[in-house]
Amino acid sequence: MSKHVFLTGPPGVGKTTLIQKVTQALKSSGVPIDGFYTQEVREGGRRTGFDVVTLSGNRGPLSRVSPSSGSSASRREYRVGQYVVDLVSFEQLVLPMLRNVNQDGDTEKRICVIDEIGKMELFSQAFIQAVRQTLAGSGTVVLGTIPIPKGKPLDLVEEIRSRKDVRVFNCTAHGSITFAPLCSSWMTVTPPKTQQGLDSIQRKFPTTCTVISENET
Protein backbone atom coordinates (compact mmCIF):
# COMPACT_ATOMS: atom_id res chain seq x y z
CA MET A 1 0.00 0.00 0.00
CA SER A 2 1.38 3.43 -0.94
CA LYS A 3 2.09 5.76 1.93
CA HIS A 4 4.61 8.40 0.82
CA VAL A 5 4.16 10.82 -2.11
CA PHE A 6 6.97 12.14 -4.31
CA LEU A 7 6.83 14.61 -7.18
CA THR A 8 9.28 14.50 -10.06
CA GLY A 9 9.78 16.54 -13.20
CA PRO A 10 12.23 18.84 -14.98
CA PRO A 11 13.70 21.89 -13.22
CA GLY A 12 11.40 24.91 -13.18
CA VAL A 13 8.19 22.97 -13.78
CA GLY A 14 6.69 24.06 -10.45
CA LYS A 15 7.33 21.22 -7.99
CA THR A 16 8.42 23.49 -5.15
CA THR A 17 5.59 25.95 -5.85
CA LEU A 18 3.10 23.11 -5.55
CA ILE A 19 4.78 21.84 -2.38
CA GLN A 20 4.47 25.31 -0.84
CA LYS A 21 0.78 25.62 -1.73
CA VAL A 22 -0.11 22.20 -0.38
CA THR A 23 1.92 22.85 2.77
CA GLN A 24 0.23 26.19 3.37
CA ALA A 25 -3.25 24.69 3.05
CA LEU A 26 -2.51 21.70 5.27
CA LYS A 27 -0.89 23.85 7.98
CA SER A 28 -3.85 26.24 7.99
CA SER A 29 -6.13 23.23 8.55
CA GLY A 30 -4.15 22.05 11.56
CA VAL A 31 -2.44 19.06 9.98
CA PRO A 32 0.86 18.28 11.80
CA ILE A 33 3.55 19.03 9.22
CA ASP A 34 7.25 19.85 9.22
CA GLY A 35 10.13 19.76 6.78
CA PHE A 36 11.98 21.96 4.32
CA TYR A 37 11.94 23.19 0.75
CA THR A 38 14.63 24.57 -1.55
CA GLN A 39 14.34 28.08 -2.97
CA GLU A 40 16.26 29.90 -5.68
CA VAL A 41 18.40 32.89 -4.75
CA ARG A 42 18.54 35.63 -7.39
CA GLU A 43 20.57 38.80 -7.64
CA GLY A 44 19.98 41.28 -10.43
CA GLY A 45 17.74 38.80 -12.24
CA ARG A 46 20.43 36.12 -12.23
CA ARG A 47 20.27 32.91 -10.21
CA THR A 48 23.19 32.83 -7.82
CA GLY A 49 22.32 29.79 -5.73
CA PHE A 50 19.78 28.01 -3.59
CA ASP A 51 18.65 28.33 0.03
CA VAL A 52 17.11 25.74 2.32
CA VAL A 53 13.98 27.01 4.08
CA THR A 54 12.41 25.01 6.91
CA LEU A 55 8.69 25.11 7.59
CA SER A 56 9.48 26.56 11.02
CA GLY A 57 11.00 29.62 9.31
CA ASN A 58 14.73 28.97 9.47
CA ARG A 59 16.77 29.67 6.36
CA GLY A 60 20.33 29.10 5.22
CA PRO A 61 22.45 28.61 2.10
CA LEU A 62 22.47 25.30 0.27
CA SER A 63 24.71 26.41 -2.59
CA ARG A 64 26.14 29.44 -4.34
CA VAL A 65 27.73 30.09 -7.71
CA SER A 66 31.43 29.45 -7.44
CA PRO A 67 33.67 32.52 -7.75
CA SER A 68 35.16 32.72 -11.23
CA SER A 69 38.69 32.78 -9.91
CA GLY A 70 40.82 31.19 -7.29
CA SER A 71 38.74 28.98 -5.01
CA SER A 72 40.85 27.49 -2.28
CA ALA A 73 42.41 24.12 -3.03
CA SER A 74 43.17 23.57 0.66
CA ARG A 75 39.63 22.42 1.48
CA ARG A 76 37.28 20.01 -0.20
CA GLU A 77 34.46 21.53 -2.20
CA TYR A 78 31.22 19.79 -3.09
CA ARG A 79 30.16 20.95 -6.56
CA VAL A 80 27.19 20.52 -8.86
CA GLY A 81 27.87 22.33 -12.12
CA GLN A 82 28.69 25.96 -11.33
CA TYR A 83 27.43 25.69 -7.75
CA VAL A 84 29.42 25.00 -4.59
CA VAL A 85 27.35 23.21 -1.94
CA ASP A 86 27.47 24.49 1.65
CA LEU A 87 27.18 21.09 3.29
CA VAL A 88 27.66 22.40 6.83
CA SER A 89 24.83 24.90 6.51
CA PHE A 90 22.52 22.29 4.95
CA GLU A 91 23.15 19.70 7.65
CA GLN A 92 22.81 22.22 10.50
CA LEU A 93 19.34 23.18 9.27
CA VAL A 94 17.92 19.89 8.03
CA LEU A 95 19.29 17.13 10.26
CA PRO A 96 17.87 18.42 13.59
CA MET A 97 14.47 18.88 11.93
CA LEU A 98 14.45 15.32 10.58
CA ARG A 99 15.51 13.95 13.96
CA ASN A 100 12.63 15.78 15.62
CA VAL A 101 10.16 14.47 13.04
CA ASN A 102 11.33 10.91 13.59
CA GLN A 103 11.11 11.24 17.37
CA ASP A 104 7.69 12.90 17.31
CA GLY A 105 6.42 10.29 14.87
CA ASP A 106 6.46 7.74 17.66
CA THR A 107 3.63 9.58 19.43
CA GLU A 108 1.93 11.71 16.76
CA LYS A 109 1.45 11.03 13.06
CA ARG A 110 2.59 13.86 10.81
CA ILE A 111 3.61 14.85 7.30
CA CYS A 112 7.27 15.59 6.53
CA VAL A 113 8.16 17.72 3.51
CA ILE A 114 11.53 16.92 1.86
CA ASP A 115 12.14 19.20 -1.14
CA GLU A 116 14.34 17.98 -2.57
CA ILE A 117 16.39 14.82 -2.65
CA GLY A 118 18.88 15.73 -5.36
CA LYS A 119 22.57 15.80 -6.16
CA MET A 120 23.37 18.69 -3.82
CA GLU A 121 21.60 17.21 -0.81
CA LEU A 122 23.00 13.73 -1.42
CA PHE A 123 26.56 14.80 -0.68
CA SER A 124 25.47 14.39 2.95
CA GLN A 125 25.64 10.80 4.14
CA ALA A 126 23.89 11.82 7.35
CA PHE A 127 21.00 13.20 5.30
CA ILE A 128 20.73 9.95 3.34
CA GLN A 129 20.45 7.96 6.56
CA ALA A 130 17.93 10.42 8.03
CA VAL A 131 15.73 10.16 4.92
CA ARG A 132 15.77 6.37 5.08
CA GLN A 133 14.83 6.49 8.74
CA THR A 134 11.98 8.92 8.02
CA LEU A 135 10.61 6.73 5.22
CA ALA A 136 10.72 3.69 7.49
CA GLY A 137 8.99 5.44 10.40
CA SER A 138 5.47 4.23 11.12
CA GLY A 139 4.13 7.64 12.09
CA THR A 140 5.44 9.84 9.28
CA VAL A 141 4.15 10.38 5.75
CA VAL A 142 6.67 12.01 3.41
CA LEU A 143 5.79 14.57 0.73
CA GLY A 144 8.97 15.00 -1.27
CA THR A 145 10.52 15.83 -4.61
CA ILE A 146 13.10 13.91 -6.63
CA PRO A 147 14.78 14.77 -9.94
CA ILE A 148 13.94 13.09 -13.22
CA PRO A 149 16.43 10.38 -14.26
CA LYS A 150 19.38 12.02 -16.01
CA GLY A 151 22.95 10.86 -16.29
CA LYS A 152 24.34 8.62 -13.57
CA PRO A 153 21.54 7.24 -11.35
CA LEU A 154 21.35 8.56 -7.79
CA ASP A 155 21.21 5.56 -5.47
CA LEU A 156 18.77 6.96 -2.92
CA VAL A 157 16.47 8.35 -5.63
CA GLU A 158 16.31 4.95 -7.35
CA GLU A 159 15.72 3.32 -3.98
CA ILE A 160 12.78 5.66 -3.35
CA ARG A 161 11.33 5.00 -6.80
CA SER A 162 11.39 1.25 -6.16
CA ARG A 163 9.78 1.31 -2.70
CA LYS A 164 6.35 -0.30 -2.53
CA ASP A 165 5.14 2.33 -0.04
CA VAL A 166 5.92 5.25 -2.40
CA ARG A 167 3.82 6.82 -5.16
CA VAL A 168 5.72 8.95 -7.67
CA PHE A 169 3.90 11.58 -9.74
CA ASN A 170 5.28 13.20 -12.90
CA CYS A 171 4.86 16.98 -13.15
CA THR A 172 4.50 18.72 -16.50
CA ALA A 173 3.78 22.36 -17.23
CA HIS A 174 0.58 24.08 -18.32
CA GLY A 175 -2.43 22.26 -16.98
CA SER A 176 -4.72 21.82 -14.02
CA ILE A 177 -4.16 19.77 -10.91
CA THR A 178 -6.27 17.11 -9.27
CA PHE A 179 -5.26 16.84 -5.62
CA ALA A 180 -7.31 13.81 -4.54
CA PRO A 181 -5.03 11.07 -5.96
CA LEU A 182 -1.94 13.00 -4.95
CA CYS A 183 -3.03 13.19 -1.31
CA SER A 184 -5.02 9.98 -0.85
CA SER A 185 -2.38 8.30 1.32
CA TRP A 186 -2.37 11.26 3.71
CA MET A 187 -5.79 10.24 5.01
CA THR A 188 -3.90 7.96 7.42
CA VAL A 189 -2.60 11.12 9.14
CA THR A 190 -5.32 12.72 11.27
CA PRO A 191 -7.98 11.99 8.57
CA PRO A 192 -10.52 14.75 9.42
CA LYS A 193 -7.85 17.44 9.40
CA THR A 194 -6.33 16.07 6.21
CA GLN A 195 -9.69 16.12 4.44
CA GLN A 196 -10.21 19.70 5.58
CA GLY A 197 -6.78 20.52 4.17
CA LEU A 198 -7.58 18.97 0.81
CA ASP A 199 -10.88 20.85 0.63
CA SER A 200 -9.00 24.05 1.47
CA ILE A 201 -6.48 23.39 -1.32
CA GLN A 202 -9.24 22.89 -3.86
CA ARG A 203 -10.89 26.17 -2.83
CA LYS A 204 -7.72 28.25 -2.74
CA PHE A 205 -5.85 26.73 -5.67
CA PRO A 206 -8.33 25.23 -8.16
CA THR A 207 -5.69 25.32 -10.88
CA THR A 208 -1.93 25.69 -11.01
CA CYS A 209 0.80 25.65 -13.63
CA THR A 210 1.42 21.99 -12.87
CA VAL A 211 -0.41 18.86 -13.92
CA ILE A 212 0.33 15.55 -12.26
CA SER A 213 -0.03 12.01 -13.54
CA GLU A 214 0.95 8.92 -11.60
CA ASN A 215 4.26 7.35 -12.53
CA GLU A 216 3.76 3.93 -14.09
CA THR A 217 7.37 2.84 -13.72
C-alpha atoms as a PDB file:
ATOM      1  CA  MET A   1       0.000   0.000   0.000  1.00  0.00           C
ATOM      2  CA  SER A   2       1.384   3.425  -0.937  1.00  0.00           C
ATOM      3  CA  LYS A   3       2.095   5.765   1.932  1.00  0.00           C
ATOM      4  CA  HIS A   4       4.607   8.399   0.818  1.00  0.00           C
ATOM      5  CA  VAL A   5       4.157  10.825  -2.106  1.00  0.00           C
ATOM      6  CA  PHE A   6       6.969  12.141  -4.309  1.00  0.00           C
ATOM      7  CA  LEU A   7       6.827  14.614  -7.181  1.00  0.00           C
ATOM      8  CA  THR A   8       9.282  14.498 -10.058  1.00  0.00           C
ATOM      9  CA  GLY A   9       9.784  16.544 -13.198  1.00  0.00           C
ATOM     10  CA  PRO A  10      12.233  18.835 -14.981  1.00  0.00           C
ATOM     11  CA  PRO A  11      13.703  21.894 -13.221  1.00  0.00           C
ATOM     12  CA  GLY A  12      11.401  24.909 -13.181  1.00  0.00           C
ATOM     13  CA  VAL A  13       8.190  22.967 -13.775  1.00  0.00           C
ATOM     14  CA  GLY A  14       6.692  24.057 -10.447  1.00  0.00           C
ATOM     15  CA  LYS A  15       7.335  21.218  -7.992  1.00  0.00           C
ATOM     16  CA  THR A  16       8.419  23.489  -5.154  1.00  0.00           C
ATOM     17  CA  THR A  17       5.594  25.945  -5.851  1.00  0.00           C
ATOM     18  CA  LEU A  18       3.100  23.111  -5.546  1.00  0.00           C
ATOM     19  CA  ILE A  19       4.782  21.842  -2.380  1.00  0.00           C
ATOM     20  CA  GLN A  20       4.474  25.310  -0.841  1.00  0.00           C
ATOM     21  CA  LYS A  21       0.777  25.622  -1.726  1.00  0.00           C
ATOM     22  CA  VAL A  22      -0.107  22.196  -0.377  1.00  0.00           C
ATOM     23  CA  THR A  23       1.924  22.848   2.773  1.00  0.00           C
ATOM     24  CA  GLN A  24       0.226  26.187   3.375  1.00  0.00           C
ATOM     25  CA  ALA A  25      -3.246  24.691   3.045  1.00  0.00           C
ATOM     26  CA  LEU A  26      -2.509  21.695   5.267  1.00  0.00           C
ATOM     27  CA  LYS A  27      -0.891  23.849   7.976  1.00  0.00           C
ATOM     28  CA  SER A  28      -3.848  26.235   7.992  1.00  0.00           C
ATOM     29  CA  SER A  29      -6.130  23.234   8.549  1.00  0.00           C
ATOM     30  CA  GLY A  30      -4.150  22.048  11.560  1.00  0.00           C
ATOM     31  CA  VAL A  31      -2.444  19.056   9.981  1.00  0.00           C
ATOM     32  CA  PRO A  32       0.860  18.282  11.801  1.00  0.00           C
ATOM     33  CA  ILE A  33       3.550  19.031   9.220  1.00  0.00           C
ATOM     34  CA  ASP A  34       7.255  19.851   9.222  1.00  0.00           C
ATOM     35  CA  GLY A  35      10.131  19.755   6.776  1.00  0.00           C
ATOM     36  CA  PHE A  36      11.976  21.961   4.316  1.00  0.00           C
ATOM     37  CA  TYR A  37      11.942  23.195   0.750  1.00  0.00           C
ATOM     38  CA  THR A  38      14.626  24.574  -1.546  1.00  0.00           C
ATOM     39  CA  GLN A  39      14.341  28.080  -2.966  1.00  0.00           C
ATOM     40  CA  GLU A  40      16.259  29.898  -5.685  1.00  0.00           C
ATOM     41  CA  VAL A  41      18.399  32.888  -4.749  1.00  0.00           C
ATOM     42  CA  ARG A  42      18.540  35.625  -7.394  1.00  0.00           C
ATOM     43  CA  GLU A  43      20.568  38.800  -7.636  1.00  0.00           C
ATOM     44  CA  GLY A  44      19.980  41.277 -10.434  1.00  0.00           C
ATOM     45  CA  GLY A  45      17.737  38.805 -12.240  1.00  0.00           C
ATOM     46  CA  ARG A  46      20.430  36.120 -12.225  1.00  0.00           C
ATOM     47  CA  ARG A  47      20.270  32.913 -10.208  1.00  0.00           C
ATOM     48  CA  THR A  48      23.189  32.829  -7.825  1.00  0.00           C
ATOM     49  CA  GLY A  49      22.321  29.794  -5.733  1.00  0.00           C
ATOM     50  CA  PHE A  50      19.779  28.007  -3.588  1.00  0.00           C
ATOM     51  CA  ASP A  51      18.647  28.326   0.026  1.00  0.00           C
ATOM     52  CA  VAL A  52      17.107  25.743   2.317  1.00  0.00           C
ATOM     53  CA  VAL A  53      13.975  27.014   4.076  1.00  0.00           C
ATOM     54  CA  THR A  54      12.413  25.009   6.909  1.00  0.00           C
ATOM     55  CA  LEU A  55       8.687  25.114   7.589  1.00  0.00           C
ATOM     56  CA  SER A  56       9.481  26.558  11.017  1.00  0.00           C
ATOM     57  CA  GLY A  57      10.999  29.625   9.314  1.00  0.00           C
ATOM     58  CA  ASN A  58      14.731  28.967   9.471  1.00  0.00           C
ATOM     59  CA  ARG A  59      16.770  29.672   6.364  1.00  0.00           C
ATOM     60  CA  GLY A  60      20.333  29.096   5.223  1.00  0.00           C
ATOM     61  CA  PRO A  61      22.454  28.614   2.103  1.00  0.00           C
ATOM     62  CA  LEU A  62      22.466  25.300   0.272  1.00  0.00           C
ATOM     63  CA  SER A  63      24.713  26.410  -2.590  1.00  0.00           C
ATOM     64  CA  ARG A  64      26.136  29.438  -4.339  1.00  0.00           C
ATOM     65  CA  VAL A  65      27.726  30.091  -7.706  1.00  0.00           C
ATOM     66  CA  SER A  66      31.434  29.452  -7.438  1.00  0.00           C
ATOM     67  CA  PRO A  67      33.668  32.518  -7.750  1.00  0.00           C
ATOM     68  CA  SER A  68      35.158  32.719 -11.230  1.00  0.00           C
ATOM     69  CA  SER A  69      38.687  32.780  -9.911  1.00  0.00           C
ATOM     70  CA  GLY A  70      40.821  31.191  -7.289  1.00  0.00           C
ATOM     71  CA  SER A  71      38.743  28.978  -5.006  1.00  0.00           C
ATOM     72  CA  SER A  72      40.854  27.490  -2.280  1.00  0.00           C
ATOM     73  CA  ALA A  73      42.413  24.122  -3.029  1.00  0.00           C
ATOM     74  CA  SER A  74      43.167  23.565   0.661  1.00  0.00           C
ATOM     75  CA  ARG A  75      39.631  22.425   1.477  1.00  0.00           C
ATOM     76  CA  ARG A  76      37.280  20.012  -0.200  1.00  0.00           C
ATOM     77  CA  GLU A  77      34.457  21.533  -2.201  1.00  0.00           C
ATOM     78  CA  TYR A  78      31.217  19.795  -3.092  1.00  0.00           C
ATOM     79  CA  ARG A  79      30.161  20.949  -6.557  1.00  0.00           C
ATOM     80  CA  VAL A  80      27.186  20.520  -8.857  1.00  0.00           C
ATOM     81  CA  GLY A  81      27.871  22.330 -12.119  1.00  0.00           C
ATOM     82  CA  GLN A  82      28.688  25.957 -11.332  1.00  0.00           C
ATOM     83  CA  TYR A  83      27.426  25.693  -7.749  1.00  0.00           C
ATOM     84  CA  VAL A  84      29.421  25.004  -4.593  1.00  0.00           C
ATOM     85  CA  VAL A  85      27.350  23.213  -1.944  1.00  0.00           C
ATOM     86  CA  ASP A  86      27.469  24.485   1.647  1.00  0.00           C
ATOM     87  CA  LEU A  87      27.182  21.086   3.293  1.00  0.00           C
ATOM     88  CA  VAL A  88      27.664  22.398   6.832  1.00  0.00           C
ATOM     89  CA  SER A  89      24.827  24.901   6.514  1.00  0.00           C
ATOM     90  CA  PHE A  90      22.525  22.289   4.950  1.00  0.00           C
ATOM     91  CA  GLU A  91      23.150  19.703   7.651  1.00  0.00           C
ATOM     92  CA  GLN A  92      22.806  22.219  10.496  1.00  0.00           C
ATOM     93  CA  LEU A  93      19.337  23.177   9.269  1.00  0.00           C
ATOM     94  CA  VAL A  94      17.920  19.891   8.031  1.00  0.00           C
ATOM     95  CA  LEU A  95      19.290  17.134  10.263  1.00  0.00           C
ATOM     96  CA  PRO A  96      17.866  18.415  13.588  1.00  0.00           C
ATOM     97  CA  MET A  97      14.471  18.884  11.932  1.00  0.00           C
ATOM     98  CA  LEU A  98      14.452  15.321  10.585  1.00  0.00           C
ATOM     99  CA  ARG A  99      15.510  13.952  13.960  1.00  0.00           C
ATOM    100  CA  ASN A 100      12.630  15.779  15.621  1.00  0.00           C
ATOM    101  CA  VAL A 101      10.159  14.468  13.043  1.00  0.00           C
ATOM    102  CA  ASN A 102      11.328  10.914  13.595  1.00  0.00           C
ATOM    103  CA  GLN A 103      11.109  11.235  17.372  1.00  0.00           C
ATOM    104  CA  ASP A 104       7.693  12.897  17.314  1.00  0.00           C
ATOM    105  CA  GLY A 105       6.421  10.291  14.868  1.00  0.00           C
ATOM    106  CA  ASP A 106       6.459   7.742  17.663  1.00  0.00           C
ATOM    107  CA  THR A 107       3.628   9.578  19.429  1.00  0.00           C
ATOM    108  CA  GLU A 108       1.928  11.708  16.757  1.00  0.00           C
ATOM    109  CA  LYS A 109       1.453  11.030  13.059  1.00  0.00           C
ATOM    110  CA  ARG A 110       2.587  13.856  10.811  1.00  0.00           C
ATOM    111  CA  ILE A 111       3.608  14.853   7.299  1.00  0.00           C
ATOM    112  CA  CYS A 112       7.266  15.585   6.533  1.00  0.00           C
ATOM    113  CA  VAL A 113       8.163  17.721   3.510  1.00  0.00           C
ATOM    114  CA  ILE A 114      11.525  16.920   1.861  1.00  0.00           C
ATOM    115  CA  ASP A 115      12.142  19.198  -1.137  1.00  0.00           C
ATOM    116  CA  GLU A 116      14.335  17.981  -2.571  1.00  0.00           C
ATOM    117  CA  ILE A 117      16.392  14.818  -2.648  1.00  0.00           C
ATOM    118  CA  GLY A 118      18.877  15.730  -5.364  1.00  0.00           C
ATOM    119  CA  LYS A 119      22.572  15.800  -6.159  1.00  0.00           C
ATOM    120  CA  MET A 120      23.367  18.686  -3.817  1.00  0.00           C
ATOM    121  CA  GLU A 121      21.603  17.207  -0.811  1.00  0.00           C
ATOM    122  CA  LEU A 122      23.004  13.725  -1.422  1.00  0.00           C
ATOM    123  CA  PHE A 123      26.564  14.805  -0.685  1.00  0.00           C
ATOM    124  CA  SER A 124      25.468  14.385   2.948  1.00  0.00           C
ATOM    125  CA  GLN A 125      25.636  10.795   4.137  1.00  0.00           C
ATOM    126  CA  ALA A 126      23.895  11.825   7.354  1.00  0.00           C
ATOM    127  CA  PHE A 127      21.000  13.204   5.295  1.00  0.00           C
ATOM    128  CA  ILE A 128      20.733   9.946   3.338  1.00  0.00           C
ATOM    129  CA  GLN A 129      20.446   7.957   6.555  1.00  0.00           C
ATOM    130  CA  ALA A 130      17.928  10.415   8.027  1.00  0.00           C
ATOM    131  CA  VAL A 131      15.725  10.161   4.915  1.00  0.00           C
ATOM    132  CA  ARG A 132      15.775   6.366   5.078  1.00  0.00           C
ATOM    133  CA  GLN A 133      14.826   6.493   8.741  1.00  0.00           C
ATOM    134  CA  THR A 134      11.983   8.915   8.015  1.00  0.00           C
ATOM    135  CA  LEU A 135      10.607   6.730   5.220  1.00  0.00           C
ATOM    136  CA  ALA A 136      10.721   3.694   7.487  1.00  0.00           C
ATOM    137  CA  GLY A 137       8.987   5.438  10.396  1.00  0.00           C
ATOM    138  CA  SER A 138       5.474   4.227  11.116  1.00  0.00           C
ATOM    139  CA  GLY A 139       4.133   7.644  12.086  1.00  0.00           C
ATOM    140  CA  THR A 140       5.441   9.843   9.277  1.00  0.00           C
ATOM    141  CA  VAL A 141       4.148  10.378   5.749  1.00  0.00           C
ATOM    142  CA  VAL A 142       6.667  12.013   3.408  1.00  0.00           C
ATOM    143  CA  LEU A 143       5.790  14.567   0.733  1.00  0.00           C
ATOM    144  CA  GLY A 144       8.969  14.995  -1.267  1.00  0.00           C
ATOM    145  CA  THR A 145      10.516  15.825  -4.613  1.00  0.00           C
ATOM    146  CA  ILE A 146      13.096  13.906  -6.633  1.00  0.00           C
ATOM    147  CA  PRO A 147      14.782  14.767  -9.940  1.00  0.00           C
ATOM    148  CA  ILE A 148      13.939  13.088 -13.222  1.00  0.00           C
ATOM    149  CA  PRO A 149      16.430  10.382 -14.259  1.00  0.00           C
ATOM    150  CA  LYS A 150      19.383  12.018 -16.007  1.00  0.00           C
ATOM    151  CA  GLY A 151      22.955  10.856 -16.288  1.00  0.00           C
ATOM    152  CA  LYS A 152      24.338   8.615 -13.566  1.00  0.00           C
ATOM    153  CA  PRO A 153      21.537   7.235 -11.351  1.00  0.00           C
ATOM    154  CA  LEU A 154      21.346   8.559  -7.788  1.00  0.00           C
ATOM    155  CA  ASP A 155      21.209   5.558  -5.465  1.00  0.00           C
ATOM    156  CA  LEU A 156      18.769   6.964  -2.920  1.00  0.00           C
ATOM    157  CA  VAL A 157      16.467   8.351  -5.628  1.00  0.00           C
ATOM    158  CA  GLU A 158      16.308   4.954  -7.349  1.00  0.00           C
ATOM    159  CA  GLU A 159      15.719   3.324  -3.977  1.00  0.00           C
ATOM    160  CA  ILE A 160      12.781   5.664  -3.354  1.00  0.00           C
ATOM    161  CA  ARG A 161      11.326   4.995  -6.797  1.00  0.00           C
ATOM    162  CA  SER A 162      11.385   1.248  -6.158  1.00  0.00           C
ATOM    163  CA  ARG A 163       9.778   1.314  -2.701  1.00  0.00           C
ATOM    164  CA  LYS A 164       6.347  -0.296  -2.532  1.00  0.00           C
ATOM    165  CA  ASP A 165       5.137   2.333  -0.041  1.00  0.00           C
ATOM    166  CA  VAL A 166       5.918   5.253  -2.397  1.00  0.00           C
ATOM    167  CA  ARG A 167       3.817   6.817  -5.156  1.00  0.00           C
ATOM    168  CA  VAL A 168       5.722   8.951  -7.672  1.00  0.00           C
ATOM    169  CA  PHE A 169       3.902  11.581  -9.737  1.00  0.00           C
ATOM    170  CA  ASN A 170       5.278  13.196 -12.896  1.00  0.00           C
ATOM    171  CA  CYS A 171       4.857  16.976 -13.152  1.00  0.00           C
ATOM    172  CA  THR A 172       4.502  18.724 -16.500  1.00  0.00           C
ATOM    173  CA  ALA A 173       3.777  22.358 -17.231  1.00  0.00           C
ATOM    174  CA  HIS A 174       0.580  24.077 -18.320  1.00  0.00           C
ATOM    175  CA  GLY A 175      -2.428  22.259 -16.976  1.00  0.00           C
ATOM    176  CA  SER A 176      -4.724  21.816 -14.024  1.00  0.00           C
ATOM    177  CA  ILE A 177      -4.159  19.766 -10.906  1.00  0.00           C
ATOM    178  CA  THR A 178      -6.274  17.112  -9.266  1.00  0.00           C
ATOM    179  CA  PHE A 179      -5.265  16.836  -5.617  1.00  0.00           C
ATOM    180  CA  ALA A 180      -7.307  13.812  -4.539  1.00  0.00           C
ATOM    181  CA  PRO A 181      -5.028  11.067  -5.958  1.00  0.00           C
ATOM    182  CA  LEU A 182      -1.942  13.000  -4.947  1.00  0.00           C
ATOM    183  CA  CYS A 183      -3.028  13.187  -1.312  1.00  0.00           C
ATOM    184  CA  SER A 184      -5.016   9.981  -0.848  1.00  0.00           C
ATOM    185  CA  SER A 185      -2.376   8.303   1.322  1.00  0.00           C
ATOM    186  CA  TRP A 186      -2.366  11.258   3.711  1.00  0.00           C
ATOM    187  CA  MET A 187      -5.787  10.235   5.006  1.00  0.00           C
ATOM    188  CA  THR A 188      -3.897   7.961   7.416  1.00  0.00           C
ATOM    189  CA  VAL A 189      -2.598  11.118   9.136  1.00  0.00           C
ATOM    190  CA  THR A 190      -5.323  12.719  11.267  1.00  0.00           C
ATOM    191  CA  PRO A 191      -7.978  11.988   8.567  1.00  0.00           C
ATOM    192  CA  PRO A 192     -10.516  14.748   9.422  1.00  0.00           C
ATOM    193  CA  LYS A 193      -7.846  17.436   9.397  1.00  0.00           C
ATOM    194  CA  THR A 194      -6.332  16.067   6.205  1.00  0.00           C
ATOM    195  CA  GLN A 195      -9.687  16.124   4.438  1.00  0.00           C
ATOM    196  CA  GLN A 196     -10.214  19.701   5.582  1.00  0.00           C
ATOM    197  CA  GLY A 197      -6.776  20.518   4.172  1.00  0.00           C
ATOM    198  CA  LEU A 198      -7.580  18.968   0.813  1.00  0.00           C
ATOM    199  CA  ASP A 199     -10.876  20.848   0.630  1.00  0.00           C
ATOM    200  CA  SER A 200      -8.996  24.047   1.466  1.00  0.00           C
ATOM    201  CA  ILE A 201      -6.483  23.389  -1.320  1.00  0.00           C
ATOM    202  CA  GLN A 202      -9.235  22.888  -3.859  1.00  0.00           C
ATOM    203  CA  ARG A 203     -10.890  26.167  -2.829  1.00  0.00           C
ATOM    204  CA  LYS A 204      -7.715  28.246  -2.736  1.00  0.00           C
ATOM    205  CA  PHE A 205      -5.853  26.726  -5.672  1.00  0.00           C
ATOM    206  CA  PRO A 206      -8.330  25.231  -8.159  1.00  0.00           C
ATOM    207  CA  THR A 207      -5.685  25.319 -10.879  1.00  0.00           C
ATOM    208  CA  THR A 208      -1.932  25.695 -11.007  1.00  0.00           C
ATOM    209  CA  CYS A 209       0.801  25.649 -13.626  1.00  0.00           C
ATOM    210  CA  THR A 210       1.418  21.993 -12.869  1.00  0.00           C
ATOM    211  CA  VAL A 211      -0.410  18.858 -13.923  1.00  0.00           C
ATOM    212  CA  ILE A 212       0.332  15.547 -12.257  1.00  0.00           C
ATOM    213  CA  SER A 213      -0.028  12.010 -13.535  1.00  0.00           C
ATOM    214  CA  GLU A 214       0.953   8.916 -11.598  1.00  0.00           C
ATOM    215  CA  ASN A 215       4.258   7.346 -12.533  1.00  0.00           C
ATOM    216  CA  GLU A 216       3.764   3.926 -14.088  1.00  0.00           C
ATOM    217  CA  THR A 217       7.375   2.838 -13.724  1.00  0.00           C
END
